[in-house]
Every structure is written in C-alpha cells, then in structure tokens.
Amino acid sequence: MGVNSVLWTDSLRQTDPPPIRSSCVLVQLEEFVDEPAQYHDSNRAEAHVCKSQFLPYNECAVGHNGGIFVMKQVAFIFVFVLALLSRAWGGTYTVHSTRISVPASADGLADGETSASSTNLIGLDANVYIPDGVAAPAPAVVVVHGFAESKSTPAIVAFAEDFAAAGYVVVTPSVRGFGNSDGMVSLVGPNEINDLKTIILAMQTGSIGDSPAVAIPVTSQSKFGVMGDSYGGGHTFEIMRAHVPGLAAVIPIIGWTDLYQALAPNDVPKLTYTLGLFGGGFDLKNPNYAPVMFDWLRDVLGGTPEKTRAGDAENNIDWRSVGSPLCW
C-alpha cells in the first residue's frame, strides 16, 4: 500500500555492541549517526540521513535532506530472508505475554500529536522479548503487524526474535481491533497512534503491561525504534509526528505516506482493493471496525471519496498521512 520503503540505521545502541548479526534494517531519524551514509536508488543520486531532531516533513526532499531510501519490494523480501537466516547465530532471549492498558480514545492535533480523551482503558494483547543478560538502558524496538494480523503473525515473530537475539528488547502488540486486543479499528487514527506512543512511554518506566507486569531493562535513557509493514508501516510513519521522547529510528516497510492517494489516487477509488481491504480485516462474529470505517466505505463506493478528507482527526483520512510522497 503506497510507497515501498525501508529506512536504515543502527542508531538504537548506547555503546559499541558485539557484532550484530541481525539483518533487520533501520534509518536514522536524528543526530545519532556520526557520518551519514549515502545510498543510491533509481531515481536520485543520493539520499542523506536527516539530522534534525524530528523529520521536517515540510522541508525534506530525497537527495537533499530527506533521509529516506526508497526500495523496491524485492529488497524487503531479501532483507526478510536474511533476517530468518541470521536468527540461528544470535543470542538467547525470553518471551512473555501480557496485556498493555491504553486510553480507550484519543484526540489528534493537526501536527500529528495525540493526547488521551478518555480516562477509560482498554487492553492490548502483546508479547515482550527480553534478551538474556542485557542491562539497562537497553535499546528497544516496537514491531507492528500488518492489517488483519496480530502479534502471532509469523513474520512479526521472526523479526522480533531476530531483534531480541541481537540484544534489543522487543514489544509486539496486537493493535486495537485485531488479534485478542480490545478496541475498534480506525485505520491508524489518533487512537492507534496514541496506543503506540503510550507503549513507548510505558517501556521507559522499566515495566510494560499489567496482566502481568513484565520487568524490562529499559529506561528513559534507552533509544527506541518502531518497525512495521503495510498497516504497521502506516503506524511507523505516523509515530514520527507524535514527538515521542526517546524515539530514535523507524522502519516503515511498504506503508503509506498519503493514505488518500493510496486508496483513491487522483480521486479515482481503487474499488477492488478497498473492498478487499475492508473485507479482509472485518470480524463478522465480533465487529471490530469504528463507525468511520463504514462512513469511508460508503463515500468510496458512492463515488465521492473526497468526503473522506473532511472532519476532525478521527474522521479525516488526511490526518493519517505524513505528507506527499514527493517529500520523501
């Protein structure tokens, strides 16, 4: 869906670590790379690592200061295969299952920031991977699954195991509305982004989850990364706008930067794709879609997709976009 992207770096570690055999890749968000690497693709001569504290969406441009290296999907497949092969040589780790409490609802600001709008809580089902023998402040990664998937999706498990074997504390939540998590799906709206933000901030306390609470060697001094593919890639792009303390790197894989253009390019709806997407994630036995999902489907099928671009953050599909792909 949208841009096929993989962002590169090894910026989450505090000190020089043992050789990392993980083949998973990140891209630098901040000033943690001493000498920004230069990469080449078929469209631009080079793509530099962005050195601002947070990625300036209105200023970035590939080949100038964007920091994003756009890759073809075959590159993702290659990286995934290497990740699977590399796990055999990594360290050991322990896996815990827990439920993480997050606000039932949240508001979104125009700049992508979020804040809780309810004191009620819901629970997200999650796995926590803790490398054996790693001391605080350990680097941490949150891995977000694709649409209609969960924390148990084989690819998510494989990536989490690979990171954990390389010394990273990993949390893999089933996002709201999917798997055994509570809540309703709103296609990476303020609720989902606030959930991700809540998880990262909770990890900085040294404990995550409450059923049961899992002690982790993570503090506010740890560096955090977020990784996700497809639906998870949308989460990964959007969390950069939320200005979460400690967030140092992201890995959006085949996610989107402009959700409206991904679903209705030039105001022409992708009807087959939209129907497949909608039907693929809907649970008939336990309805898991927020009302806005049905509103958008009606607008798209009715030939007025532009109506999805109106309203507040919860109802406006453009809130779920970090900007035009040309900016990347």
C-alpha atoms as a PDB file:
ATOM      1  CA  MET A   1       0.000   0.000   0.000  1.00  0.00           C
ATOM      2  CA  GLY A   2       1.614   3.253  -1.066  1.00  0.00           C
ATOM      3  CA  VAL A   3       5.368   3.731  -1.020  1.00  0.00           C
ATOM      4  CA  ASN A   4       7.669   0.735  -0.632  1.00  0.00           C
ATOM      5  CA  SER A   5      10.146   1.986   1.944  1.00  0.00           C
ATOM      6  CA  VAL A   6      12.823   0.653   4.241  1.00  0.00           C
ATOM      7  CA  LEU A   7      14.738   3.064   6.496  1.00  0.00           C
ATOM      8  CA  TRP A   8      18.291   2.200   7.511  1.00  0.00           C
ATOM      9  CA  THR A   9      20.482   2.742  10.584  1.00  0.00           C
ATOM     10  CA  ASP A  10      21.975   1.141  13.672  1.00  0.00           C
ATOM     11  CA  SER A  11      21.210   4.079  15.925  1.00  0.00           C
ATOM     12  CA  LEU A  12      19.465   2.492  18.878  1.00  0.00           C
ATOM     13  CA  ARG A  13      22.501   1.205  20.750  1.00  0.00           C
ATOM     14  CA  GLN A  14      24.060   3.185  23.587  1.00  0.00           C
ATOM     15  CA  THR A  15      27.606   1.860  23.270  1.00  0.00           C
ATOM     16  CA  ASP A  16      29.631  -0.234  20.869  1.00  0.00           C
ATOM     17  CA  PRO A  17      27.869  -3.621  20.936  1.00  0.00           C
ATOM     18  CA  PRO A  18      29.080  -7.068  19.983  1.00  0.00           C
ATOM     19  CA  PRO A  19      28.780  -7.693  16.242  1.00  0.00           C
ATOM     20  CA  ILE A  20      25.115  -7.567  15.255  1.00  0.00           C
ATOM     21  CA  ARG A  21      24.036 -10.494  13.142  1.00  0.00           C
ATOM     22  CA  SER A  22      20.541  -9.148  12.671  1.00  0.00           C
ATOM     23  CA  SER A  23      19.661  -8.332   9.101  1.00  0.00           C
ATOM     24  CA  CYS A  24      16.746  -6.109  10.015  1.00  0.00           C
ATOM     25  CA  VAL A  25      17.376  -2.533   8.919  1.00  0.00           C
ATOM     26  CA  LEU A  26      16.568   0.922  10.277  1.00  0.00           C
ATOM     27  CA  VAL A  27      17.058   4.507   9.106  1.00  0.00           C
ATOM     28  CA  GLN A  28      18.405   7.284  11.254  1.00  0.00           C
ATOM     29  CA  LEU A  29      15.950   9.954  12.389  1.00  0.00           C
ATOM     30  CA  GLU A  30      18.191  12.165  14.438  1.00  0.00           C
ATOM     31  CA  GLU A  31      21.819  13.069  15.008  1.00  0.00           C
ATOM     32  CA  PHE A  32      22.955   9.626  16.166  1.00  0.00           C
ATOM     33  CA  VAL A  33      24.957   8.835  13.031  1.00  0.00           C
ATOM     34  CA  ASP A  34      28.415  10.393  13.015  1.00  0.00           C
ATOM     35  CA  GLU A  35      28.867  10.248   9.268  1.00  0.00           C
ATOM     36  CA  PRO A  36      25.533   9.883   7.463  1.00  0.00           C
ATOM     37  CA  ALA A  37      25.721   7.136   4.902  1.00  0.00           C
ATOM     38  CA  GLN A  38      24.783   7.789   1.303  1.00  0.00           C
ATOM     39  CA  TYR A  39      22.699   5.378  -0.685  1.00  0.00           C
ATOM     40  CA  HIS A  40      21.619   5.253  -4.302  1.00  0.00           C
ATOM     41  CA  ASP A  41      18.350   4.392  -5.976  1.00  0.00           C
ATOM     42  CA  SER A  42      16.990   4.527  -9.485  1.00  0.00           C
ATOM     43  CA  ASN A  43      15.509   7.994  -9.103  1.00  0.00           C
ATOM     44  CA  ARG A  44      18.023  10.065  -7.151  1.00  0.00           C
ATOM     45  CA  ALA A  45      21.755  10.351  -6.914  1.00  0.00           C
ATOM     46  CA  GLU A  46      21.833  10.039  -3.149  1.00  0.00           C
ATOM     47  CA  ALA A  47      19.722  10.148  -0.040  1.00  0.00           C
ATOM     48  CA  HIS A  48      21.225  11.648   3.106  1.00  0.00           C
ATOM     49  CA  VAL A  49      20.322  10.838   6.683  1.00  0.00           C
ATOM     50  CA  CYS A  50      18.100  13.536   8.133  1.00  0.00           C
ATOM     51  CA  LYS A  51      19.934  15.226  11.035  1.00  0.00           C
ATOM     52  CA  SER A  52      17.058  17.266  12.509  1.00  0.00           C
ATOM     53  CA  GLN A  53      15.645  16.270  15.867  1.00  0.00           C
ATOM     54  CA  PHE A  54      12.452  15.195  14.165  1.00  0.00           C
ATOM     55  CA  LEU A  55      11.898  14.728  10.474  1.00  0.00           C
ATOM     56  CA  PRO A  56      10.812  18.094   8.940  1.00  0.00           C
ATOM     57  CA  TYR A  57       8.038  16.923   6.623  1.00  0.00           C
ATOM     58  CA  ASN A  58       7.553  20.307   5.000  1.00  0.00           C
ATOM     59  CA  GLU A  59      11.247  20.632   4.198  1.00  0.00           C
ATOM     60  CA  CYS A  60      12.525  17.171   3.415  1.00  0.00           C
ATOM     61  CA  ALA A  61      13.353  16.066  -0.094  1.00  0.00           C
ATOM     62  CA  VAL A  62      15.090  12.967  -1.296  1.00  0.00           C
ATOM     63  CA  GLY A  63      18.567  13.824  -2.468  1.00  0.00           C
ATOM     64  CA  HIS A  64      18.560  16.963  -0.315  1.00  0.00           C
ATOM     65  CA  ASN A  65      17.852  16.274   3.344  1.00  0.00           C
ATOM     66  CA  GLY A  66      15.059  13.724   3.442  1.00  0.00           C
ATOM     67  CA  GLY A  67      16.852  10.728   4.840  1.00  0.00           C
ATOM     68  CA  ILE A  68      14.600   8.168   3.205  1.00  0.00           C
ATOM     69  CA  PHE A  69      15.878   5.495   0.923  1.00  0.00           C
ATOM     70  CA  VAL A  70      13.042   4.144  -1.179  1.00  0.00           C
ATOM     71  CA  MET A  71      13.477   0.496  -2.081  1.00  0.00           C
ATOM     72  CA  LYS A  72      11.569  -1.959  -4.210  1.00  0.00           C
ATOM     73  CA  GLN A  73       9.593  -4.707  -2.587  1.00  0.00           C
ATOM     74  CA  VAL A  74      12.167  -7.265  -3.662  1.00  0.00           C
ATOM     75  CA  ALA A  75      14.607  -5.587  -1.301  1.00  0.00           C
ATOM     76  CA  PHE A  76      12.242  -6.186   1.593  1.00  0.00           C
ATOM     77  CA  ILE A  77      11.966  -9.851   0.654  1.00  0.00           C
ATOM     78  CA  PHE A  78      15.763 -10.102   0.523  1.00  0.00           C
ATOM     79  CA  VAL A  79      16.102  -8.472   3.945  1.00  0.00           C
ATOM     80  CA  PHE A  80      13.394 -10.724   5.388  1.00  0.00           C
ATOM     81  CA  VAL A  81      15.130 -13.870   4.126  1.00  0.00           C
ATOM     82  CA  LEU A  82      18.440 -12.710   5.602  1.00  0.00           C
ATOM     83  CA  ALA A  83      16.696 -11.989   8.893  1.00  0.00           C
ATOM     84  CA  LEU A  84      15.354 -15.520   9.030  1.00  0.00           C
ATOM     85  CA  LEU A  85      18.755 -16.976   8.266  1.00  0.00           C
ATOM     86  CA  SER A  86      20.537 -14.788  10.806  1.00  0.00           C
ATOM     87  CA  ARG A  87      18.496 -15.802  13.851  1.00  0.00           C
ATOM     88  CA  ALA A  88      20.411 -19.059  14.259  1.00  0.00           C
ATOM     89  CA  TRP A  89      23.588 -17.156  15.186  1.00  0.00           C
ATOM     90  CA  GLY A  90      22.041 -14.709  17.674  1.00  0.00           C
ATOM     91  CA  GLY A  91      21.856 -14.624  21.464  1.00  0.00           C
ATOM     92  CA  THR A  92      19.178 -16.077  23.715  1.00  0.00           C
ATOM     93  CA  TYR A  93      16.053 -14.332  24.975  1.00  0.00           C
ATOM     94  CA  THR A  94      12.882 -14.876  26.978  1.00  0.00           C
ATOM     95  CA  VAL A  95       9.346 -14.241  25.710  1.00  0.00           C
ATOM     96  CA  HIS A  96       6.498 -13.031  27.942  1.00  0.00           C
ATOM     97  CA  SER A  97       2.826 -12.478  27.118  1.00  0.00           C
ATOM     98  CA  THR A  98       0.977  -9.556  28.698  1.00  0.00           C
ATOM     99  CA  ARG A  99      -1.823  -7.054  28.211  1.00  0.00           C
ATOM    100  CA  ILE A 100      -0.983  -3.367  27.977  1.00  0.00           C
ATOM    101  CA  SER A 101      -3.524  -0.797  29.146  1.00  0.00           C
ATOM    102  CA  VAL A 102      -4.047   2.212  26.856  1.00  0.00           C
ATOM    103  CA  PRO A 103      -6.636   5.035  26.834  1.00  0.00           C
ATOM    104  CA  ALA A 104      -9.890   3.984  25.194  1.00  0.00           C
ATOM    105  CA  SER A 105      -9.862   7.041  22.932  1.00  0.00           C
ATOM    106  CA  ALA A 106      -7.563   9.876  21.918  1.00  0.00           C
ATOM    107  CA  ASP A 107      -7.604  13.212  20.117  1.00  0.00           C
ATOM    108  CA  GLY A 108      -5.272  14.123  17.280  1.00  0.00           C
ATOM    109  CA  LEU A 109      -3.828  17.543  16.518  1.00  0.00           C
ATOM    110  CA  ALA A 110      -3.078  18.859  13.050  1.00  0.00           C
ATOM    111  CA  ASP A 111       0.661  18.262  13.525  1.00  0.00           C
ATOM    112  CA  GLY A 112       0.131  14.568  14.320  1.00  0.00           C
ATOM    113  CA  GLU A 113       0.459  14.835  18.091  1.00  0.00           C
ATOM    114  CA  THR A 114      -2.041  12.900  20.192  1.00  0.00           C
ATOM    115  CA  SER A 115      -3.480  13.016  23.696  1.00  0.00           C
ATOM    116  CA  ALA A 116      -5.866  10.798  25.639  1.00  0.00           C
ATOM    117  CA  SER A 117      -9.500  11.927  25.523  1.00  0.00           C
ATOM    118  CA  SER A 118     -10.851   9.311  27.943  1.00  0.00           C
ATOM    119  CA  THR A 119      -9.932   8.032  31.379  1.00  0.00           C
ATOM    120  CA  ASN A 120     -11.322   4.618  30.444  1.00  0.00           C
ATOM    121  CA  LEU A 121      -8.786   1.980  29.477  1.00  0.00           C
ATOM    122  CA  ILE A 122      -8.713  -0.933  27.042  1.00  0.00           C
ATOM    123  CA  GLY A 123      -6.198  -3.759  26.821  1.00  0.00           C
ATOM    124  CA  LEU A 124      -3.809  -4.625  24.003  1.00  0.00           C
ATOM    125  CA  ASP A 125      -2.520  -8.182  23.797  1.00  0.00           C
ATOM    126  CA  ALA A 126       1.271  -8.172  23.413  1.00  0.00           C
ATOM    127  CA  ASN A 127       4.428 -10.246  23.548  1.00  0.00           C
ATOM    128  CA  VAL A 128       7.617  -8.970  25.162  1.00  0.00           C
ATOM    129  CA  TYR A 129      11.009 -10.331  24.106  1.00  0.00           C
ATOM    130  CA  ILE A 130      13.832  -9.769  26.612  1.00  0.00           C
ATOM    131  CA  PRO A 131      17.438 -10.626  25.644  1.00  0.00           C
ATOM    132  CA  ASP A 132      19.194 -12.675  28.309  1.00  0.00           C
ATOM    133  CA  GLY A 133      21.952 -10.836  30.151  1.00  0.00           C
ATOM    134  CA  VAL A 134      21.209  -7.371  28.751  1.00  0.00           C
ATOM    135  CA  ALA A 135      21.450  -4.500  31.237  1.00  0.00           C
ATOM    136  CA  ALA A 136      19.582  -1.198  31.310  1.00  0.00           C
ATOM    137  CA  PRO A 137      19.374   1.066  29.454  1.00  0.00           C
ATOM    138  CA  ALA A 138      18.866  -1.467  26.652  1.00  0.00           C
ATOM    139  CA  PRO A 139      17.737  -0.401  23.172  1.00  0.00           C
ATOM    140  CA  ALA A 140      14.122  -1.224  22.388  1.00  0.00           C
ATOM    141  CA  VAL A 141      12.008  -1.845  19.302  1.00  0.00           C
ATOM    142  CA  VAL A 142       8.237  -1.995  18.888  1.00  0.00           C
ATOM    143  CA  VAL A 143       7.233  -4.181  15.938  1.00  0.00           C
ATOM    144  CA  VAL A 144       3.762  -3.504  14.479  1.00  0.00           C
ATOM    145  CA  HIS A 145       1.952  -6.067  12.343  1.00  0.00           C
ATOM    146  CA  GLY A 146       0.034  -5.654   9.096  1.00  0.00           C
ATOM    147  CA  PHE A 147      -3.700  -5.259   8.539  1.00  0.00           C
ATOM    148  CA  ALA A 148      -5.873  -8.059   9.968  1.00  0.00           C
ATOM    149  CA  GLU A 149      -2.803  -9.682  11.524  1.00  0.00           C
ATOM    150  CA  SER A 150      -1.627  -9.940  15.134  1.00  0.00           C
ATOM    151  CA  LYS A 151       1.382 -10.357  17.413  1.00  0.00           C
ATOM    152  CA  SER A 152       1.452 -14.035  16.388  1.00  0.00           C
ATOM    153  CA  THR A 153       1.855 -13.430  12.656  1.00  0.00           C
ATOM    154  CA  PRO A 154       4.919 -15.499  11.613  1.00  0.00           C
ATOM    155  CA  ALA A 155       6.744 -12.569  10.002  1.00  0.00           C
ATOM    156  CA  ILE A 156       6.280 -10.445  13.138  1.00  0.00           C
ATOM    157  CA  VAL A 157       7.531 -13.253  15.351  1.00  0.00           C
ATOM    158  CA  ALA A 158      10.552 -13.748  13.081  1.00  0.00           C
ATOM    159  CA  PHE A 159      11.523 -10.066  13.186  1.00  0.00           C
ATOM    160  CA  ALA A 160      11.009  -9.871  16.946  1.00  0.00           C
ATOM    161  CA  GLU A 161      13.159 -12.947  17.526  1.00  0.00           C
ATOM    162  CA  ASP A 162      15.874 -11.534  15.295  1.00  0.00           C
ATOM    163  CA  PHE A 163      15.988  -8.225  17.152  1.00  0.00           C
ATOM    164  CA  ALA A 164      15.894  -9.945  20.544  1.00  0.00           C
ATOM    165  CA  ALA A 165      18.735 -12.255  19.545  1.00  0.00           C
ATOM    166  CA  ALA A 166      20.747  -9.139  18.667  1.00  0.00           C
ATOM    167  CA  GLY A 167      20.225  -7.582  22.101  1.00  0.00           C
ATOM    168  CA  TYR A 168      17.100  -5.444  21.657  1.00  0.00           C
ATOM    169  CA  VAL A 169      14.106  -5.501  23.989  1.00  0.00           C
ATOM    170  CA  VAL A 170      11.111  -6.020  21.695  1.00  0.00           C
ATOM    171  CA  VAL A 171       7.383  -5.462  22.180  1.00  0.00           C
ATOM    172  CA  THR A 172       4.925  -6.810  19.589  1.00  0.00           C
ATOM    173  CA  PRO A 173       1.392  -5.608  20.323  1.00  0.00           C
ATOM    174  CA  SER A 174      -1.725  -6.761  18.537  1.00  0.00           C
ATOM    175  CA  VAL A 175      -3.090  -3.346  17.580  1.00  0.00           C
ATOM    176  CA  ARG A 176      -6.577  -2.408  18.706  1.00  0.00           C
ATOM    177  CA  GLY A 177      -9.343  -4.301  16.958  1.00  0.00           C
ATOM    178  CA  PHE A 178      -7.111  -7.188  15.863  1.00  0.00           C
ATOM    179  CA  GLY A 179      -5.976 -10.419  17.484  1.00  0.00           C
ATOM    180  CA  ASN A 180      -7.028 -10.583  21.123  1.00  0.00           C
ATOM    181  CA  SER A 181      -6.832  -6.829  21.681  1.00  0.00           C
ATOM    182  CA  ASP A 182      -9.770  -4.633  22.659  1.00  0.00           C
ATOM    183  CA  GLY A 183     -10.939  -1.562  20.777  1.00  0.00           C
ATOM    184  CA  MET A 184     -12.032  -0.729  17.242  1.00  0.00           C
ATOM    185  CA  VAL A 185     -10.044  -0.340  14.043  1.00  0.00           C
ATOM    186  CA  SER A 186      -9.930   3.212  12.658  1.00  0.00           C
ATOM    187  CA  LEU A 187      -7.133   2.777  10.117  1.00  0.00           C
ATOM    188  CA  VAL A 188      -4.259   4.275  12.132  1.00  0.00           C
ATOM    189  CA  GLY A 189      -6.136   7.230  13.505  1.00  0.00           C
ATOM    190  CA  PRO A 190      -5.408   9.159  16.723  1.00  0.00           C
ATOM    191  CA  ASN A 191      -6.391   6.144  18.836  1.00  0.00           C
ATOM    192  CA  GLU A 192      -3.871   3.781  17.263  1.00  0.00           C
ATOM    193  CA  ILE A 193      -1.042   6.316  17.263  1.00  0.00           C
ATOM    194  CA  ASN A 194      -1.714   7.213  20.885  1.00  0.00           C
ATOM    195  CA  ASP A 195      -1.617   3.490  21.703  1.00  0.00           C
ATOM    196  CA  LEU A 196       1.859   3.227  20.178  1.00  0.00           C
ATOM    197  CA  LYS A 197       3.007   6.362  21.970  1.00  0.00           C
ATOM    198  CA  THR A 198       1.641   5.005  25.268  1.00  0.00           C
ATOM    199  CA  ILE A 199       3.564   1.755  24.823  1.00  0.00           C
ATOM    200  CA  ILE A 200       6.880   3.530  24.228  1.00  0.00           C
ATOM    201  CA  LEU A 201       6.430   5.825  27.223  1.00  0.00           C
ATOM    202  CA  ALA A 202       5.385   2.921  29.451  1.00  0.00           C
ATOM    203  CA  MET A 203       8.504   0.964  28.480  1.00  0.00           C
ATOM    204  CA  GLN A 204      10.640   3.807  29.800  1.00  0.00           C
ATOM    205  CA  THR A 205       9.443   3.043  33.339  1.00  0.00           C
ATOM    206  CA  GLY A 206      11.211  -0.322  33.306  1.00  0.00           C
ATOM    207  CA  SER A 207       7.985  -2.302  33.181  1.00  0.00           C
ATOM    208  CA  ILE A 208       5.415  -2.994  30.484  1.00  0.00           C
ATOM    209  CA  GLY A 209       1.905  -4.386  30.750  1.00  0.00           C
ATOM    210  CA  ASP A 210      -0.245  -5.046  33.772  1.00  0.00           C
ATOM    211  CA  SER A 211      -1.642  -8.542  33.232  1.00  0.00           C
ATOM    212  CA  PRO A 212       1.026  -9.377  34.233  1.00  0.00           C
ATOM    213  CA  ALA A 213       3.546  -6.553  34.554  1.00  0.00           C
ATOM    214  CA  VAL A 214       6.805  -7.517  32.834  1.00  0.00           C
ATOM    215  CA  ALA A 215      10.079  -6.036  34.092  1.00  0.00           C
ATOM    216  CA  ILE A 216      12.345  -4.923  31.243  1.00  0.00           C
ATOM    217  CA  PRO A 217      15.892  -3.454  31.225  1.00  0.00           C
ATOM    218  CA  VAL A 218      14.654  -0.234  29.619  1.00  0.00           C
ATOM    219  CA  THR A 219      14.752   3.328  30.967  1.00  0.00           C
ATOM    220  CA  SER A 220      14.152   6.864  29.744  1.00  0.00           C
ATOM    221  CA  GLN A 221      17.783   6.777  28.592  1.00  0.00           C
ATOM    222  CA  SER A 222      17.103   3.925  26.183  1.00  0.00           C
ATOM    223  CA  LYS A 223      16.796   4.568  22.474  1.00  0.00           C
ATOM    224  CA  PHE A 224      13.635   3.365  20.781  1.00  0.00           C
ATOM    225  CA  GLY A 225      12.758   2.230  17.301  1.00  0.00           C
ATOM    226  CA  VAL A 226       9.442   1.349  15.667  1.00  0.00           C
ATOM    227  CA  MET A 227       9.121  -1.119  12.816  1.00  0.00           C
ATOM    228  CA  GLY A 228       6.056  -2.137  10.814  1.00  0.00           C
ATOM    229  CA  ASP A 229       4.977  -3.415   7.425  1.00  0.00           C
ATOM    230  CA  SER A 230       1.894  -2.358   5.438  1.00  0.00           C
ATOM    231  CA  TYR A 231      -0.630  -1.338   8.137  1.00  0.00           C
ATOM    232  CA  GLY A 232       2.270  -1.375  10.576  1.00  0.00           C
ATOM    233  CA  GLY A 233       4.204   0.791   8.122  1.00  0.00           C
ATOM    234  CA  GLY A 234       1.452   3.386   8.399  1.00  0.00           C
ATOM    235  CA  HIS A 235       1.854   3.346  12.182  1.00  0.00           C
ATOM    236  CA  THR A 236       5.608   3.702  11.772  1.00  0.00           C
ATOM    237  CA  PHE A 237       5.432   6.752   9.524  1.00  0.00           C
ATOM    238  CA  GLU A 238       2.808   8.455  11.674  1.00  0.00           C
ATOM    239  CA  ILE A 239       4.515   7.934  15.040  1.00  0.00           C
ATOM    240  CA  MET A 240       7.314  10.224  13.848  1.00  0.00           C
ATOM    241  CA  ARG A 241       4.894  13.154  14.071  1.00  0.00           C
ATOM    242  CA  ALA A 242       3.965  12.427  17.681  1.00  0.00           C
ATOM    243  CA  HIS A 243       7.328  13.612  19.041  1.00  0.00           C
ATOM    244  CA  VAL A 244       7.785  10.723  21.453  1.00  0.00           C
ATOM    245  CA  PRO A 245      10.811  11.164  23.758  1.00  0.00           C
ATOM    246  CA  GLY A 246      13.484   8.587  23.040  1.00  0.00           C
ATOM    247  CA  LEU A 247      12.286   7.680  19.540  1.00  0.00           C
ATOM    248  CA  ALA A 248      15.485   7.447  17.514  1.00  0.00           C
ATOM    249  CA  ALA A 249      14.711   5.380  14.429  1.00  0.00           C
ATOM    250  CA  VAL A 250      11.875   3.935  12.374  1.00  0.00           C
ATOM    251  CA  ILE A 251      11.448   1.159   9.808  1.00  0.00           C
ATOM    252  CA  PRO A 252       8.362   1.730   7.641  1.00  0.00           C
ATOM    253  CA  ILE A 253       8.074  -1.185   5.206  1.00  0.00           C
ATOM    254  CA  ILE A 254       5.591  -0.991   2.301  1.00  0.00           C
ATOM    255  CA  GLY A 255       3.498   1.502   4.264  1.00  0.00           C
ATOM    256  CA  TRP A 256       1.944   4.720   3.034  1.00  0.00           C
ATOM    257  CA  THR A 257       2.747   8.392   3.289  1.00  0.00           C
ATOM    258  CA  ASP A 258      -0.527   9.607   1.730  1.00  0.00           C
ATOM    259  CA  LEU A 259      -3.387   7.252   2.586  1.00  0.00           C
ATOM    260  CA  TYR A 260      -5.958   9.059   0.453  1.00  0.00           C
ATOM    261  CA  GLN A 261      -3.811   8.787  -2.664  1.00  0.00           C
ATOM    262  CA  ALA A 262      -3.123   5.146  -1.833  1.00  0.00           C
ATOM    263  CA  LEU A 263      -6.853   4.360  -1.805  1.00  0.00           C
ATOM    264  CA  ALA A 264      -8.199   6.920  -4.303  1.00  0.00           C
ATOM    265  CA  PRO A 265      -5.359   8.259  -6.479  1.00  0.00           C
ATOM    266  CA  ASN A 266      -6.431  11.459  -8.241  1.00  0.00           C
ATOM    267  CA  ASP A 267      -9.907  10.992  -6.723  1.00  0.00           C
ATOM    268  CA  VAL A 268     -10.399   7.666  -8.518  1.00  0.00           C
ATOM    269  CA  PRO A 269     -11.227   4.953  -5.952  1.00  0.00           C
ATOM    270  CA  LYS A 270      -9.485   1.590  -6.083  1.00  0.00           C
ATOM    271  CA  LEU A 271     -12.763  -0.262  -5.636  1.00  0.00           C
ATOM    272  CA  THR A 272     -11.460  -3.822  -5.732  1.00  0.00           C
ATOM    273  CA  TYR A 273      -8.594  -3.011  -3.399  1.00  0.00           C
ATOM    274  CA  THR A 274     -10.802  -1.061  -0.999  1.00  0.00           C
ATOM    275  CA  LEU A 275     -13.385  -3.842  -0.809  1.00  0.00           C
ATOM    276  CA  GLY A 276     -10.648  -6.429  -0.301  1.00  0.00           C
ATOM    277  CA  LEU A 277      -9.024  -4.357   2.426  1.00  0.00           C
ATOM    278  CA  PHE A 278     -12.311  -3.699   4.198  1.00  0.00           C
ATOM    279  CA  GLY A 279     -13.485  -7.293   3.996  1.00  0.00           C
ATOM    280  CA  GLY A 280     -10.114  -8.753   4.888  1.00  0.00           C
ATOM    281  CA  GLY A 281      -9.979  -7.209   8.336  1.00  0.00           C
ATOM    282  CA  PHE A 282     -13.624  -7.206   9.394  1.00  0.00           C
ATOM    283  CA  ASP A 283     -14.697  -9.717  12.040  1.00  0.00           C
ATOM    284  CA  LEU A 284     -18.313 -10.735  11.438  1.00  0.00           C
ATOM    285  CA  LYS A 285     -18.649 -12.533  14.771  1.00  0.00           C
ATOM    286  CA  ASN A 286     -17.125  -9.703  16.803  1.00  0.00           C
ATOM    287  CA  PRO A 287     -17.427  -6.481  14.777  1.00  0.00           C
ATOM    288  CA  ASN A 288     -14.157  -4.618  15.131  1.00  0.00           C
ATOM    289  CA  TYR A 289     -14.487  -1.511  12.926  1.00  0.00           C
ATOM    290  CA  ALA A 290     -15.105   2.017  14.187  1.00  0.00           C
ATOM    291  CA  PRO A 291     -18.061   3.864  12.569  1.00  0.00           C
ATOM    292  CA  VAL A 292     -15.700   5.976  10.456  1.00  0.00           C
ATOM    293  CA  MET A 293     -14.654   2.863   8.528  1.00  0.00           C
ATOM    294  CA  PHE A 294     -18.228   2.363   7.304  1.00  0.00           C
ATOM    295  CA  ASP A 295     -18.571   6.078   6.516  1.00  0.00           C
ATOM    296  CA  TRP A 296     -15.465   5.955   4.357  1.00  0.00           C
ATOM    297  CA  LEU A 297     -16.576   2.803   2.573  1.00  0.00           C
ATOM    298  CA  ARG A 298     -19.912   4.451   1.733  1.00  0.00           C
ATOM    299  CA  ASP A 299     -18.126   7.529   0.392  1.00  0.00           C
ATOM    300  CA  VAL A 300     -15.731   5.495  -1.738  1.00  0.00           C
ATOM    301  CA  LEU A 301     -18.374   3.173  -3.162  1.00  0.00           C
ATOM    302  CA  GLY A 302     -20.689   6.125  -3.720  1.00  0.00           C
ATOM    303  CA  GLY A 303     -18.145   7.847  -5.954  1.00  0.00           C
ATOM    304  CA  THR A 304     -17.389  10.696  -3.546  1.00  0.00           C
ATOM    305  CA  PRO A 305     -14.067   9.681  -1.976  1.00  0.00           C
ATOM    306  CA  GLU A 306     -13.189  13.325  -1.371  1.00  0.00           C
ATOM    307  CA  LYS A 307     -15.689  13.332   1.506  1.00  0.00           C
ATOM    308  CA  THR A 308     -13.240  11.194   3.476  1.00  0.00           C
ATOM    309  CA  ARG A 309     -10.979  14.241   3.668  1.00  0.00           C
ATOM    310  CA  ALA A 310     -13.369  16.297   5.851  1.00  0.00           C
ATOM    311  CA  GLY A 311     -13.955  16.459   9.581  1.00  0.00           C
ATOM    312  CA  ASP A 312     -11.796  16.135  12.666  1.00  0.00           C
ATOM    313  CA  ALA A 313      -8.718  13.955  13.079  1.00  0.00           C
ATOM    314  CA  GLU A 314     -10.748  10.806  13.755  1.00  0.00           C
ATOM    315  CA  ASN A 315     -12.865  11.254  10.617  1.00  0.00           C
ATOM    316  CA  ASN A 316     -10.413  12.877   8.204  1.00  0.00           C
ATOM    317  CA  ILE A 317      -8.354  10.379   6.217  1.00  0.00           C
ATOM    318  CA  ASP A 318      -5.710  13.031   5.560  1.00  0.00           C
ATOM    319  CA  TRP A 319      -4.758  13.041   9.255  1.00  0.00           C
ATOM    320  CA  ARG A 320      -3.381   9.565   8.565  1.00  0.00           C
ATOM    321  CA  SER A 321      -0.896  10.891   6.005  1.00  0.00           C
ATOM    322  CA  VAL A 322       2.538  12.294   6.765  1.00  0.00           C
ATOM    323  CA  GLY A 323       2.665  14.232   3.514  1.00  0.00           C
ATOM    324  CA  SER A 324       3.066  13.824  -0.190  1.00  0.00           C
ATOM    325  CA  PRO A 325       5.393  11.001  -1.321  1.00  0.00           C
ATOM    326  CA  LEU A 326       7.295  13.697  -3.232  1.00  0.00           C
ATOM    327  CA  CYS A 327       8.548  14.946   0.124  1.00  0.00           C
ATOM    328  CA  TRP A 328      10.246  11.634   0.717  1.00  0.00           C
END
